[in-house]
Amino acid sequence: MPTYIYQTIPKKKGQKPKRFEVVQSMKDKPLKKHPETGEPVERVITGGCGVVFHGPSIMSMNVPRGRK
């Protein structure tokens, strides 16, 4: 299950939001309140990480050098 990052929505100007993580199913609805304090929260959208392979593929490494 993925881990989502949430942050509290500050009520007063100048107050910093508090971030926390929650492990949820992708089917679960986003939280609207902090599970412990009841403060209103919003989900933080962050950049994911992907894997990019460069060079010859693994499948081509199984072919003897004389044949292609």
N, C-alpha and C. Protein backbone atom coordinates (compact mmCIF):
# COMPACT_ATOMS: atom_id res chain seq x y z
N MET A 1 0.84 -1.18 0.00
CA MET A 1 0.00 0.00 0.00
C MET A 1 0.89 1.24 0.00
N PRO A 2 0.47 2.27 -0.73
CA PRO A 2 1.28 3.49 -0.81
C PRO A 2 1.22 4.33 0.47
N THR A 3 2.24 5.13 0.64
CA THR A 3 2.30 6.08 1.75
C THR A 3 2.00 7.47 1.20
N TYR A 4 1.01 8.13 1.78
CA TYR A 4 0.63 9.47 1.34
C TYR A 4 1.09 10.49 2.36
N ILE A 5 1.46 11.68 1.86
CA ILE A 5 1.88 12.79 2.71
C ILE A 5 0.73 13.78 2.81
N TYR A 6 0.40 14.16 4.02
CA TYR A 6 -0.64 15.15 4.28
C TYR A 6 -0.02 16.30 5.06
N GLN A 7 -0.67 17.46 5.01
CA GLN A 7 -0.26 18.58 5.84
C GLN A 7 -1.50 19.28 6.37
N THR A 8 -1.35 19.84 7.56
CA THR A 8 -2.46 20.56 8.17
C THR A 8 -2.64 21.89 7.45
N ILE A 9 -3.85 22.39 7.47
CA ILE A 9 -4.16 23.69 6.87
C ILE A 9 -4.16 24.71 8.01
N PRO A 10 -3.19 25.63 8.02
CA PRO A 10 -3.09 26.60 9.12
C PRO A 10 -4.34 27.49 9.21
N LYS A 11 -4.76 27.75 10.43
CA LYS A 11 -5.92 28.62 10.65
C LYS A 11 -5.51 30.09 10.74
N LYS A 12 -4.30 30.32 11.26
CA LYS A 12 -3.83 31.70 11.43
C LYS A 12 -2.74 32.00 10.43
N LYS A 13 -2.67 33.25 10.00
CA LYS A 13 -1.64 33.68 9.07
C LYS A 13 -0.27 33.59 9.74
N GLY A 14 0.71 33.06 9.02
CA GLY A 14 2.06 32.93 9.57
C GLY A 14 2.30 31.60 10.27
N GLN A 15 1.25 30.84 10.52
CA GLN A 15 1.39 29.54 11.17
C GLN A 15 1.86 28.51 10.13
N LYS A 16 2.82 27.67 10.51
CA LYS A 16 3.36 26.69 9.57
C LYS A 16 2.53 25.41 9.59
N PRO A 17 2.32 24.81 8.41
CA PRO A 17 1.61 23.53 8.37
C PRO A 17 2.49 22.40 8.91
N LYS A 18 1.87 21.40 9.48
CA LYS A 18 2.58 20.23 10.00
C LYS A 18 2.35 19.07 9.02
N ARG A 19 3.43 18.41 8.60
CA ARG A 19 3.33 17.30 7.66
C ARG A 19 3.39 15.97 8.38
N PHE A 20 2.67 14.99 7.85
CA PHE A 20 2.70 13.64 8.39
C PHE A 20 2.38 12.65 7.27
N GLU A 21 2.74 11.40 7.47
CA GLU A 21 2.53 10.36 6.47
C GLU A 21 1.48 9.37 6.95
N VAL A 22 0.72 8.85 5.99
CA VAL A 22 -0.31 7.86 6.29
C VAL A 22 -0.24 6.76 5.23
N VAL A 23 -0.23 5.51 5.67
CA VAL A 23 -0.28 4.39 4.73
C VAL A 23 -1.75 4.09 4.47
N GLN A 24 -2.17 4.22 3.19
CA GLN A 24 -3.56 4.02 2.82
C GLN A 24 -3.63 3.20 1.55
N SER A 25 -4.75 2.57 1.34
CA SER A 25 -5.02 1.90 0.08
C SER A 25 -5.33 2.96 -0.97
N MET A 26 -5.08 2.64 -2.23
CA MET A 26 -5.40 3.59 -3.30
C MET A 26 -6.90 3.80 -3.42
N LYS A 27 -7.69 2.87 -2.91
CA LYS A 27 -9.15 2.97 -2.98
C LYS A 27 -9.72 3.85 -1.88
N ASP A 28 -8.94 4.10 -0.82
CA ASP A 28 -9.41 4.94 0.29
C ASP A 28 -9.54 6.39 -0.14
N LYS A 29 -10.53 7.06 0.39
CA LYS A 29 -10.71 8.49 0.12
C LYS A 29 -9.65 9.28 0.89
N PRO A 30 -9.22 10.42 0.35
CA PRO A 30 -8.24 11.25 1.07
C PRO A 30 -8.78 11.71 2.42
N LEU A 31 -7.87 11.85 3.38
CA LEU A 31 -8.28 12.32 4.70
C LEU A 31 -8.70 13.78 4.63
N LYS A 32 -9.63 14.16 5.48
CA LYS A 32 -10.05 15.56 5.58
C LYS A 32 -9.64 16.16 6.91
N LYS A 33 -9.39 15.28 7.91
CA LYS A 33 -8.99 15.73 9.24
C LYS A 33 -7.81 14.90 9.72
N HIS A 34 -6.96 15.53 10.54
CA HIS A 34 -5.83 14.83 11.15
C HIS A 34 -6.38 13.74 12.05
N PRO A 35 -5.87 12.50 11.94
CA PRO A 35 -6.43 11.40 12.74
C PRO A 35 -6.31 11.59 14.25
N GLU A 36 -5.33 12.36 14.73
CA GLU A 36 -5.15 12.53 16.17
C GLU A 36 -5.71 13.85 16.69
N THR A 37 -5.49 14.95 15.94
CA THR A 37 -5.87 16.27 16.45
C THR A 37 -7.20 16.77 15.88
N GLY A 38 -7.64 16.23 14.76
CA GLY A 38 -8.90 16.68 14.15
C GLY A 38 -8.76 17.94 13.32
N GLU A 39 -7.52 18.45 13.15
CA GLU A 39 -7.31 19.65 12.33
C GLU A 39 -7.58 19.32 10.87
N PRO A 40 -8.04 20.30 10.08
CA PRO A 40 -8.25 20.05 8.65
C PRO A 40 -6.92 19.82 7.95
N VAL A 41 -6.90 18.87 6.99
CA VAL A 41 -5.66 18.55 6.28
C VAL A 41 -5.91 18.48 4.78
N GLU A 42 -4.80 18.52 4.04
CA GLU A 42 -4.85 18.35 2.59
C GLU A 42 -3.72 17.42 2.19
N ARG A 43 -3.93 16.67 1.11
CA ARG A 43 -2.91 15.76 0.61
C ARG A 43 -1.87 16.56 -0.17
N VAL A 44 -0.61 16.25 0.05
CA VAL A 44 0.49 16.92 -0.64
C VAL A 44 0.88 16.10 -1.86
N ILE A 45 0.93 16.75 -3.01
CA ILE A 45 1.34 16.08 -4.23
C ILE A 45 2.85 16.24 -4.37
N THR A 46 3.56 15.12 -4.44
CA THR A 46 5.01 15.16 -4.57
C THR A 46 5.42 14.44 -5.85
N GLY A 47 6.61 14.69 -6.29
CA GLY A 47 7.13 14.00 -7.47
C GLY A 47 7.51 12.58 -7.11
N GLY A 48 7.19 11.67 -7.97
CA GLY A 48 7.56 10.28 -7.76
C GLY A 48 8.96 10.02 -8.28
N CYS A 49 9.37 8.80 -8.21
CA CYS A 49 10.66 8.46 -8.77
C CYS A 49 10.45 7.30 -9.74
N GLY A 50 11.09 7.38 -10.85
CA GLY A 50 10.99 6.33 -11.84
C GLY A 50 12.37 5.76 -12.11
N VAL A 51 12.39 4.60 -12.70
CA VAL A 51 13.64 3.95 -13.03
C VAL A 51 13.80 3.97 -14.54
N VAL A 52 14.93 4.47 -15.00
CA VAL A 52 15.21 4.53 -16.43
C VAL A 52 16.50 3.77 -16.68
N PHE A 53 16.44 2.78 -17.55
CA PHE A 53 17.63 2.00 -17.89
C PHE A 53 18.18 2.51 -19.21
N HIS A 54 19.49 2.68 -19.28
CA HIS A 54 20.16 3.09 -20.50
C HIS A 54 21.07 1.97 -20.97
N GLY A 55 21.31 1.90 -22.25
CA GLY A 55 22.22 0.90 -22.78
C GLY A 55 21.47 -0.31 -23.30
N PRO A 56 22.20 -1.39 -23.55
CA PRO A 56 21.55 -2.58 -24.12
C PRO A 56 20.59 -3.21 -23.12
N SER A 57 19.55 -3.80 -23.64
CA SER A 57 18.57 -4.43 -22.77
C SER A 57 19.12 -5.74 -22.22
N ILE A 58 18.54 -6.22 -21.16
CA ILE A 58 18.95 -7.47 -20.55
C ILE A 58 18.72 -8.63 -21.52
N MET A 59 17.67 -8.55 -22.31
CA MET A 59 17.37 -9.63 -23.25
C MET A 59 18.45 -9.77 -24.31
N SER A 60 19.04 -8.67 -24.74
CA SER A 60 20.08 -8.75 -25.77
C SER A 60 21.38 -9.33 -25.22
N MET A 61 21.54 -9.35 -23.92
CA MET A 61 22.75 -9.91 -23.32
C MET A 61 22.75 -11.43 -23.35
N ASN A 62 21.58 -12.06 -23.56
CA ASN A 62 21.48 -13.51 -23.61
C ASN A 62 21.83 -14.07 -24.97
N VAL A 63 21.98 -13.23 -25.98
CA VAL A 63 22.29 -13.66 -27.34
C VAL A 63 23.81 -13.74 -27.50
N PRO A 64 24.34 -14.88 -28.01
CA PRO A 64 25.78 -14.94 -28.23
C PRO A 64 26.24 -13.83 -29.18
N ARG A 65 27.47 -13.37 -29.04
CA ARG A 65 27.98 -12.22 -29.79
C ARG A 65 27.95 -12.42 -31.29
N GLY A 66 28.09 -13.63 -31.78
CA GLY A 66 28.12 -13.85 -33.22
C GLY A 66 26.77 -13.71 -33.88
N ARG A 67 25.68 -13.90 -33.13
CA ARG A 67 24.31 -13.83 -33.70
C ARG A 67 23.57 -12.62 -33.18
N LYS A 68 22.75 -12.04 -34.02
CA LYS A 68 21.88 -10.93 -33.58
C LYS A 68 20.65 -10.89 -34.39
